[in-house]
Amino acid sequence: MTEIELTIDSVGVRGDGVAFHQGGKVFLPFTAPGDRVHARILAKKGEGRSGEVEEILAPGARAKPVCRHFGECGGCALQHLTPEVYAEAKLSWLIEALAQHGFQNCDIAPLRRLAPHARRRARFALARAKKGAVVGFHARASHRIVDMRECAVLHPDLFKLVEPLRILAGEILAPDKEGAATVTLADAGVALLLDLPTAPKLDALERLAAFAEAQDLARLSYRVGTGRGKDSAAVPVALRRPVRVTFAGVAVDLPGESFLQASAEADTALSGAVLGQLGEARRVADLYAGLGTFTFALAQQSTVHAVEGDGDAVKALKHAASRAHLVDRVTVEERDLARLPLAPHELARFDAVVFDPPRIGAMAQSRALAASKVPVIVAVSCNPATFARDARMLSDGGYRLGRVLPIDSFLWSAQLELAARFEKPV
């Protein structure tokens, strides 16, 4: 273990400060460009080594964090940066990712930052410890739960459930047991999904029903186990109001685990970016459509074929289109696009394609799109690295990358949303 004085050069893609020592990178969490620090160099990490700050000798481009838990809670990574350096860091991740795939001097818009206190979904860790119950996010690279007392990210309607959940966890969890609570802010209130180590008995079920009433929840359900990967079905305890989210005026039923953008503001920003770059296409394919974040906005000006691999989301999309009397403008297909992408001959009937894949990107679908003759493609991504990889495939297929619009919907995190237009010259 080496102790040394270092100066932070930049911010890496995971949010750590980056310094250089003996020609290699050292990654130091919660440091800012210009910081001069006394640090310990630890184990190998990716293309460099991890490190731990012993002391900040001279501060660089630092700002006062907005949350007392910053530096301990693993939920945020960048609250300590000045606004200018924060924006530069996020844009640099995009610029570097594109450069790695041969895109130089791209047309990238200024970073659009969304408002704090707007996140509409969170997964809290719960535990009943000897000193009492705790509710919050895990500490950085740790299973330890940081007991939440404030949060600058969450919507107030979610944060106000933290203290009641702390009390509930102390009542329904056995000593030294852990669980989780996924809270989602829908149109008619909060939906709560509890992951519990064992199925609740009658008295606990009565307590959960009373909790739903007292907190005016729209829905409360539970699962047994971790809940990750849908390894157990959700059991409803209280359904007090329909749980729906509205996209472009169309209300869509919200399944327990379907993807949502970070906030309603993110929906609006990304939908505006997509529509603004799409042009006047009459027939549009919306790939990785989810619950219809873009589908129903697109349907206001085009006929839309929405393709999604999640069966629950597909059902919700179909029901929403039917309720809104849009079956003549919106068709829905269940399809795993990673295994069975739309082929060039299937894409031929569309004037434009919108695709918004998960973080792993859309390698198979991008390869098929590159071989197609679709005039316009609008790509949405939450991962600059996989976006740049997919963009390279499209470019090699004859598409020209247009303006890239970065949107900071995951505030103070090492994530970046973006939307970009591709055109294939006639």
Protein backbone atom coordinates (compact mmCIF):
# COMPACT_ATOMS: atom_id res chain seq x y z
CA MET A 1 0.00 0.00 0.00
CA THR A 2 1.53 3.28 -1.19
CA GLU A 3 0.87 6.69 0.39
CA ILE A 4 1.54 9.70 -1.83
CA GLU A 5 0.52 13.26 -2.67
CA LEU A 6 -1.60 13.57 -5.83
CA THR A 7 -3.44 16.25 -7.80
CA ILE A 8 -6.81 15.39 -9.33
CA ASP A 9 -6.89 15.89 -13.08
CA SER A 10 -10.46 15.03 -14.11
CA VAL A 11 -13.60 13.07 -13.23
CA GLY A 12 -13.91 9.49 -14.49
CA VAL A 13 -17.02 7.82 -15.90
CA ARG A 14 -17.90 6.29 -12.50
CA GLY A 15 -17.72 9.68 -10.82
CA ASP A 16 -14.33 9.21 -9.18
CA GLY A 17 -11.61 11.82 -9.42
CA VAL A 18 -8.71 10.74 -11.62
CA ALA A 19 -5.07 11.43 -10.77
CA PHE A 20 -1.91 10.09 -12.42
CA HIS A 21 0.94 8.27 -10.69
CA GLN A 22 3.90 6.67 -12.48
CA GLY A 23 2.06 6.87 -15.79
CA GLY A 24 -1.10 5.16 -14.55
CA LYS A 25 -4.49 6.35 -13.36
CA VAL A 26 -5.55 6.46 -9.73
CA PHE A 27 -9.28 6.68 -8.99
CA LEU A 28 -10.21 8.60 -5.86
CA PRO A 29 -13.90 8.91 -4.89
CA PHE A 30 -15.42 12.27 -3.95
CA THR A 31 -12.51 14.31 -5.25
CA ALA A 32 -12.67 17.25 -7.66
CA PRO A 33 -10.36 18.48 -10.43
CA GLY A 34 -7.61 20.61 -8.90
CA ASP A 35 -7.78 18.94 -5.49
CA ARG A 36 -4.33 18.28 -4.03
CA VAL A 37 -4.65 15.29 -1.73
CA HIS A 38 -2.68 12.94 0.44
CA ALA A 39 -3.91 9.49 -0.57
CA ARG A 40 -3.31 5.79 -0.28
CA ILE A 41 -3.06 3.76 -3.49
CA LEU A 42 -4.93 0.48 -3.21
CA ALA A 43 -5.86 -2.40 -5.52
CA LYS A 44 -6.04 -2.52 -9.29
CA LYS A 45 -9.24 -1.07 -10.72
CA GLY A 46 -10.00 -1.25 -14.43
CA GLU A 47 -7.29 0.58 -16.30
CA GLY A 48 -5.68 1.94 -13.13
CA ARG A 49 -5.77 1.60 -9.36
CA SER A 50 -8.26 2.60 -6.71
CA GLY A 51 -7.28 4.99 -3.97
CA GLU A 52 -8.44 6.45 -0.68
CA VAL A 53 -8.04 10.08 0.36
CA GLU A 54 -6.34 10.61 3.69
CA GLU A 55 -6.48 14.40 3.59
CA ILE A 56 -7.38 17.20 1.17
CA LEU A 57 -4.31 19.45 1.25
CA ALA A 58 -5.71 22.12 -1.07
CA PRO A 59 -9.22 22.17 -2.58
CA GLY A 60 -9.86 22.42 -6.28
CA ALA A 61 -13.20 22.95 -8.04
CA ARG A 62 -15.26 21.96 -5.03
CA ALA A 63 -18.74 23.01 -3.92
CA LYS A 64 -20.61 22.36 -0.68
CA PRO A 65 -22.71 19.18 -1.02
CA VAL A 66 -26.45 19.72 -0.73
CA CYS A 67 -27.05 16.62 1.41
CA ARG A 68 -25.61 15.70 4.80
CA HIS A 69 -25.24 12.06 3.71
CA PHE A 70 -23.03 12.82 0.71
CA GLY A 71 -19.76 10.92 0.88
CA GLU A 72 -21.34 8.16 2.93
CA CYS A 73 -24.51 7.30 1.01
CA GLY A 74 -23.87 5.55 -2.29
CA GLY A 75 -26.79 7.24 -4.03
CA CYS A 76 -24.89 10.32 -5.27
CA ALA A 77 -21.33 10.68 -6.53
CA LEU A 78 -20.95 14.29 -7.72
CA GLN A 79 -22.49 16.74 -5.26
CA HIS A 80 -19.05 18.10 -4.37
CA LEU A 81 -18.33 19.62 -7.81
CA THR A 82 -18.92 23.22 -8.87
CA PRO A 83 -21.75 23.55 -11.43
CA GLU A 84 -19.32 24.35 -14.25
CA VAL A 85 -17.03 21.39 -13.55
CA TYR A 86 -20.04 19.11 -13.00
CA ALA A 87 -21.37 19.90 -16.50
CA GLU A 88 -17.90 19.57 -18.02
CA ALA A 89 -17.45 16.16 -16.40
CA LYS A 90 -20.71 14.74 -17.70
CA LEU A 91 -20.13 16.08 -21.20
CA SER A 92 -16.58 14.74 -21.18
CA TRP A 93 -17.87 11.20 -20.68
CA LEU A 94 -19.97 11.56 -23.82
CA ILE A 95 -17.19 13.19 -25.82
CA GLU A 96 -14.66 10.53 -24.81
CA ALA A 97 -17.05 7.65 -25.54
CA LEU A 98 -17.74 9.02 -29.02
CA ALA A 99 -14.05 9.63 -29.67
CA GLN A 100 -13.23 6.03 -28.79
CA HIS A 101 -15.45 4.96 -31.66
CA GLY A 102 -14.09 7.43 -34.17
CA PHE A 103 -16.51 10.34 -33.75
CA GLN A 104 -14.61 13.61 -33.48
CA ASN A 105 -15.95 17.17 -33.15
CA CYS A 106 -19.56 16.06 -32.83
CA ASP A 107 -22.41 18.55 -32.52
CA ILE A 108 -23.23 18.21 -28.82
CA ALA A 109 -25.73 20.54 -27.19
CA PRO A 110 -25.09 22.04 -23.73
CA LEU A 111 -26.04 19.79 -20.84
CA ARG A 112 -29.67 20.19 -19.85
CA ARG A 113 -29.98 19.79 -16.09
CA LEU A 114 -33.32 18.82 -14.59
CA ALA A 115 -34.60 19.90 -11.20
CA PRO A 116 -33.77 18.22 -7.87
CA HIS A 117 -36.42 16.67 -5.61
CA ALA A 118 -38.11 15.07 -8.63
CA ARG A 119 -37.07 11.36 -8.69
CA ARG A 120 -40.27 9.35 -8.78
CA ARG A 121 -38.94 5.84 -8.12
CA ALA A 122 -36.50 4.53 -5.52
CA ARG A 123 -35.58 1.26 -3.89
CA PHE A 124 -34.87 1.63 -0.18
CA ALA A 125 -33.01 -0.97 1.82
CA LEU A 126 -34.70 -1.89 5.11
CA ALA A 127 -33.20 -3.55 8.18
CA ARG A 128 -34.05 -4.16 11.79
CA ALA A 129 -30.83 -3.84 13.75
CA LYS A 130 -30.07 -3.91 17.46
CA LYS A 131 -30.18 -0.10 17.63
CA GLY A 132 -33.50 0.04 15.78
CA ALA A 133 -34.80 -0.09 12.23
CA VAL A 134 -33.01 1.72 9.41
CA VAL A 135 -34.22 2.82 5.97
CA GLY A 136 -32.09 4.26 3.18
CA PHE A 137 -29.61 3.52 0.43
CA HIS A 138 -26.49 1.42 0.78
CA ALA A 139 -23.16 3.06 1.46
CA ARG A 140 -20.73 3.20 -1.43
CA ALA A 141 -19.42 -0.31 -2.27
CA SER A 142 -20.96 -1.69 0.92
CA HIS A 143 -23.93 -3.64 2.24
CA ARG A 144 -24.25 -1.18 5.10
CA ILE A 145 -27.45 0.89 4.99
CA VAL A 146 -27.15 4.65 5.48
CA ASP A 147 -30.15 5.60 7.60
CA MET A 148 -31.78 8.35 5.52
CA ARG A 149 -32.64 11.66 7.15
CA GLU A 150 -32.73 13.85 4.05
CA CYS A 151 -32.44 13.49 0.27
CA ALA A 152 -32.06 16.14 -2.42
CA VAL A 153 -32.99 13.74 -5.22
CA LEU A 154 -36.29 12.17 -4.19
CA HIS A 155 -39.68 13.69 -4.83
CA PRO A 156 -41.13 14.91 -1.50
CA ASP A 157 -44.02 12.43 -1.77
CA LEU A 158 -41.49 9.58 -1.69
CA PHE A 159 -39.21 11.04 0.96
CA LYS A 160 -42.08 11.56 3.40
CA LEU A 161 -42.51 7.76 3.51
CA VAL A 162 -39.02 7.18 4.92
CA GLU A 163 -39.90 7.71 8.58
CA PRO A 164 -43.17 5.69 8.42
CA LEU A 165 -41.23 2.90 6.67
CA ARG A 166 -38.65 2.98 9.44
CA ILE A 167 -41.41 2.36 11.97
CA LEU A 168 -43.00 -0.33 9.79
CA ALA A 169 -39.68 -2.14 9.33
CA GLY A 170 -39.28 -2.33 13.09
CA GLU A 171 -42.71 -3.94 13.34
CA ILE A 172 -42.70 -6.47 10.49
CA LEU A 173 -39.04 -7.51 10.25
CA ALA A 174 -37.53 -10.00 12.66
CA PRO A 175 -34.37 -8.91 14.50
CA ASP A 176 -31.28 -8.76 12.25
CA LYS A 177 -33.39 -9.30 9.12
CA GLU A 178 -33.37 -7.13 5.99
CA GLY A 179 -35.79 -6.28 3.23
CA ALA A 180 -36.42 -3.61 0.63
CA ALA A 181 -39.11 -1.15 -0.36
CA THR A 182 -39.62 0.02 -3.95
CA VAL A 183 -41.64 3.22 -4.00
CA THR A 184 -43.06 4.67 -7.20
CA LEU A 185 -44.94 7.92 -7.57
CA ALA A 186 -47.85 7.39 -9.95
CA ASP A 187 -50.66 9.72 -10.98
CA ALA A 188 -52.92 8.73 -8.08
CA GLY A 189 -50.26 8.44 -5.40
CA VAL A 190 -47.48 6.10 -4.33
CA ALA A 191 -47.23 2.40 -5.12
CA LEU A 192 -45.18 0.46 -2.57
CA LEU A 193 -43.66 -2.96 -3.23
CA LEU A 194 -42.01 -4.66 -0.25
CA ASP A 195 -39.40 -7.40 -0.58
CA LEU A 196 -39.55 -9.43 2.62
CA PRO A 197 -37.42 -12.32 3.89
CA THR A 198 -40.53 -14.39 4.75
CA ALA A 199 -44.21 -14.19 3.95
CA PRO A 200 -46.08 -11.99 6.44
CA LYS A 201 -48.52 -13.69 8.80
CA LEU A 202 -52.05 -12.46 9.41
CA ASP A 203 -51.14 -9.85 12.00
CA ALA A 204 -48.41 -8.44 9.73
CA LEU A 205 -50.81 -8.36 6.77
CA GLU A 206 -53.26 -6.39 8.87
CA ARG A 207 -50.45 -4.01 9.78
CA LEU A 208 -49.55 -3.57 6.09
CA ALA A 209 -53.15 -2.84 5.15
CA ALA A 210 -53.36 -0.27 7.95
CA PHE A 211 -50.09 1.26 6.74
CA ALA A 212 -51.48 1.64 3.22
CA GLU A 213 -54.53 3.41 4.64
CA ALA A 214 -52.59 5.66 6.99
CA GLN A 215 -50.11 6.74 4.29
CA ASP A 216 -52.81 7.04 1.61
CA LEU A 217 -50.94 4.68 -0.73
CA ALA A 218 -52.44 3.87 -4.09
CA ARG A 219 -51.16 0.28 -3.89
CA LEU A 220 -49.22 -1.90 -1.47
CA SER A 221 -47.92 -5.37 -2.32
CA TYR A 222 -45.11 -7.65 -1.20
CA ARG A 223 -42.79 -10.36 -2.51
CA VAL A 224 -40.76 -12.98 -0.69
CA GLY A 225 -37.04 -12.94 -1.46
CA THR A 226 -34.80 -10.37 -3.05
CA GLY A 227 -37.28 -9.38 -5.73
CA ARG A 228 -34.44 -9.06 -8.21
CA GLY A 229 -35.18 -10.55 -11.62
CA LYS A 230 -38.83 -11.18 -10.74
CA ASP A 231 -37.87 -14.30 -8.76
CA SER A 232 -41.21 -14.22 -6.96
CA ALA A 233 -44.63 -12.85 -7.79
CA ALA A 234 -45.96 -9.76 -6.07
CA VAL A 235 -48.88 -10.40 -3.71
CA PRO A 236 -51.36 -7.52 -3.43
CA VAL A 237 -52.29 -6.33 0.05
CA ALA A 238 -54.13 -3.10 -0.70
CA LEU A 239 -55.26 -1.61 -4.01
CA ARG A 240 -56.91 1.65 -3.13
CA ARG A 241 -56.75 3.43 -6.50
CA PRO A 242 -55.69 2.50 -10.05
CA VAL A 243 -51.92 2.84 -10.42
CA ARG A 244 -51.24 4.63 -13.70
CA VAL A 245 -48.71 6.99 -15.25
CA THR A 246 -49.68 9.44 -17.98
CA PHE A 247 -47.66 9.90 -21.16
CA ALA A 248 -48.79 12.63 -23.58
CA GLY A 249 -52.27 12.58 -22.08
CA VAL A 250 -52.66 8.79 -22.13
CA ALA A 251 -52.89 6.95 -18.81
CA VAL A 252 -51.00 3.64 -18.71
CA ASP A 253 -51.36 0.97 -16.01
CA LEU A 254 -48.14 0.63 -14.04
CA PRO A 255 -46.90 -2.93 -13.43
CA GLY A 256 -44.73 -3.44 -10.37
CA GLU A 257 -41.36 -3.66 -12.12
CA SER A 258 -41.64 -1.86 -15.46
CA PHE A 259 -39.08 0.76 -16.42
CA LEU A 260 -39.81 4.45 -15.93
CA GLN A 261 -37.70 7.49 -16.63
CA ALA A 262 -36.32 9.08 -13.47
CA SER A 263 -39.00 11.77 -13.27
CA ALA A 264 -41.98 13.23 -15.05
CA GLU A 265 -39.69 16.10 -16.07
CA ALA A 266 -37.37 13.56 -17.71
CA ASP A 267 -40.32 12.16 -19.67
CA THR A 268 -41.12 15.63 -20.95
CA ALA A 269 -37.51 16.53 -21.77
CA LEU A 270 -36.75 13.29 -23.62
CA SER A 271 -40.07 13.23 -25.47
CA GLY A 272 -39.45 16.80 -26.61
CA ALA A 273 -35.95 15.85 -27.75
CA VAL A 274 -37.26 12.85 -29.69
CA LEU A 275 -40.10 14.73 -31.39
CA GLY A 276 -37.85 17.67 -32.16
CA GLN A 277 -35.35 15.46 -33.97
CA LEU A 278 -37.82 13.18 -35.68
CA GLY A 279 -39.23 15.52 -38.31
CA GLU A 280 -42.53 14.77 -40.01
CA ALA A 281 -42.33 10.98 -40.29
CA ARG A 282 -45.75 9.43 -40.82
CA ARG A 283 -44.92 5.82 -39.88
CA VAL A 284 -42.67 5.29 -36.87
CA ALA A 285 -41.35 2.22 -35.07
CA ASP A 286 -40.83 2.75 -31.33
CA LEU A 287 -38.37 0.04 -30.27
CA TYR A 288 -37.81 -0.86 -26.61
CA ALA A 289 -41.04 1.06 -26.07
CA GLY A 290 -41.47 0.23 -22.38
CA LEU A 291 -44.76 1.61 -21.12
CA GLY A 292 -45.02 4.15 -23.92
CA THR A 293 -42.83 7.04 -22.81
CA PHE A 294 -42.51 8.05 -26.47
CA THR A 295 -45.26 5.95 -28.07
CA PHE A 296 -48.17 8.20 -27.24
CA ALA A 297 -46.28 11.42 -27.90
CA LEU A 298 -45.36 10.03 -31.32
CA ALA A 299 -48.96 8.97 -31.93
CA GLN A 300 -50.04 12.61 -31.89
CA GLN A 301 -48.41 13.07 -35.30
CA SER A 302 -47.68 9.56 -36.64
CA THR A 303 -48.85 5.99 -36.70
CA VAL A 304 -46.67 4.03 -34.29
CA HIS A 305 -45.64 0.41 -34.01
CA ALA A 306 -44.40 -0.12 -30.43
CA VAL A 307 -42.13 -3.10 -29.80
CA GLU A 308 -41.26 -4.24 -26.28
CA GLY A 309 -39.93 -7.43 -24.73
CA ASP A 310 -41.58 -7.21 -21.31
CA GLY A 311 -44.97 -8.93 -21.34
CA ASP A 312 -46.48 -6.84 -18.55
CA ALA A 313 -45.48 -3.61 -20.29
CA VAL A 314 -46.94 -4.88 -23.59
CA LYS A 315 -50.29 -5.60 -21.91
CA ALA A 316 -50.29 -2.16 -20.32
CA LEU A 317 -49.51 -0.51 -23.65
CA LYS A 318 -52.30 -2.36 -25.44
CA HIS A 319 -54.86 -1.55 -22.76
CA ALA A 320 -53.86 2.12 -22.72
CA ALA A 321 -54.12 2.43 -26.50
CA SER A 322 -57.54 0.81 -26.41
CA ARG A 323 -58.84 3.05 -23.59
CA ALA A 324 -57.58 6.12 -25.45
CA HIS A 325 -59.19 4.95 -28.72
CA LEU A 326 -55.80 4.87 -30.45
CA VAL A 327 -55.84 1.33 -31.84
CA ASP A 328 -55.90 2.78 -35.36
CA ARG A 329 -52.69 4.74 -34.61
CA VAL A 330 -50.81 2.50 -32.17
CA THR A 331 -49.99 -1.17 -32.68
CA VAL A 332 -48.02 -3.17 -30.11
CA GLU A 333 -45.76 -6.20 -30.51
CA GLU A 334 -44.08 -8.31 -27.82
CA ARG A 335 -40.58 -9.17 -28.99
CA ASP A 336 -37.12 -9.64 -27.53
CA LEU A 337 -35.11 -7.29 -29.72
CA ALA A 338 -31.77 -8.56 -28.42
CA ARG A 339 -32.55 -12.05 -29.73
CA LEU A 340 -34.88 -11.20 -32.59
CA PRO A 341 -34.32 -7.65 -33.84
CA LEU A 342 -36.52 -6.16 -36.54
CA ALA A 343 -34.84 -7.12 -39.79
CA PRO A 344 -34.17 -4.68 -42.66
CA HIS A 345 -37.17 -5.94 -44.65
CA GLU A 346 -39.43 -5.40 -41.62
CA LEU A 347 -38.03 -1.92 -41.09
CA ALA A 348 -38.69 -0.96 -44.72
CA ARG A 349 -42.27 0.12 -43.98
CA PHE A 350 -41.22 2.86 -41.55
CA ASP A 351 -40.23 6.45 -42.25
CA ALA A 352 -38.39 6.67 -38.93
CA VAL A 353 -37.31 4.56 -35.97
CA VAL A 354 -36.97 5.55 -32.33
CA PHE A 355 -35.09 3.22 -30.01
CA ASP A 356 -34.37 3.46 -26.28
CA PRO A 357 -32.56 0.31 -25.12
CA PRO A 358 -31.34 -0.59 -21.61
CA ARG A 359 -27.79 0.26 -20.50
CA ILE A 360 -26.32 -2.66 -22.45
CA GLY A 361 -27.39 -0.93 -25.65
CA ALA A 362 -28.92 -2.37 -28.81
CA MET A 363 -26.13 -4.19 -30.62
CA ALA A 364 -28.27 -6.65 -32.58
CA GLN A 365 -30.94 -4.09 -33.46
CA SER A 366 -28.34 -1.48 -34.42
CA ARG A 367 -26.73 -3.96 -36.78
CA ALA A 368 -30.10 -4.55 -38.46
CA LEU A 369 -30.84 -0.84 -38.60
CA ALA A 370 -27.45 -0.18 -40.19
CA ALA A 371 -28.40 -2.53 -43.02
CA SER A 372 -31.82 -0.93 -43.48
CA LYS A 373 -33.00 2.02 -45.54
CA VAL A 374 -34.94 3.82 -42.82
CA PRO A 375 -34.36 7.55 -43.53
CA VAL A 376 -34.26 8.78 -39.92
CA ILE A 377 -33.33 7.14 -36.63
CA VAL A 378 -33.55 8.79 -33.21
CA ALA A 379 -31.54 6.99 -30.55
CA VAL A 380 -32.14 7.50 -26.83
CA SER A 381 -29.62 6.15 -24.35
CA CYS A 382 -28.65 6.21 -20.68
CA ASN A 383 -25.11 4.97 -21.38
CA PRO A 384 -22.73 7.02 -23.56
CA ALA A 385 -20.40 4.01 -23.98
CA THR A 386 -22.95 1.66 -25.52
CA PHE A 387 -24.55 4.54 -27.43
CA ALA A 388 -21.21 5.30 -29.08
CA ARG A 389 -20.70 1.63 -29.94
CA ASP A 390 -24.16 1.42 -31.53
CA ALA A 391 -23.62 4.75 -33.29
CA ARG A 392 -20.46 3.33 -34.87
CA MET A 393 -22.48 0.47 -36.38
CA LEU A 394 -25.05 2.89 -37.74
CA SER A 395 -22.33 5.12 -39.16
CA ASP A 396 -20.62 2.17 -40.83
CA GLY A 397 -23.98 1.39 -42.42
CA GLY A 398 -24.17 4.83 -44.02
CA TYR A 399 -25.94 6.87 -41.35
CA ARG A 400 -24.75 10.35 -40.44
CA LEU A 401 -24.80 11.34 -36.76
CA GLY A 402 -26.53 14.65 -36.17
CA ARG A 403 -26.90 16.69 -33.00
CA VAL A 404 -26.61 14.93 -29.64
CA LEU A 405 -28.76 16.26 -26.80
CA PRO A 406 -27.46 15.35 -23.31
CA ILE A 407 -30.04 15.46 -20.51
CA ASP A 408 -29.05 15.21 -16.85
CA SER A 409 -32.09 13.44 -15.42
CA PHE A 410 -30.09 11.41 -12.86
CA LEU A 411 -28.75 14.33 -10.85
CA TRP A 412 -25.39 13.98 -9.09
CA SER A 413 -24.97 10.42 -10.37
CA ALA A 414 -22.49 8.94 -12.82
CA GLN A 415 -25.27 8.54 -15.40
CA LEU A 416 -26.24 10.60 -18.43
CA GLU A 417 -29.29 10.43 -20.68
CA LEU A 418 -29.10 11.55 -24.29
CA ALA A 419 -30.98 11.65 -27.56
CA ALA A 420 -29.44 11.81 -31.02
CA ARG A 421 -30.57 11.88 -34.65
CA PHE A 422 -29.14 9.75 -37.46
CA GLU A 423 -29.91 10.27 -41.15
CA LYS A 424 -29.19 8.06 -44.13
CA PRO A 425 -28.64 10.20 -47.24
CA VAL A 426 -30.82 9.24 -50.19
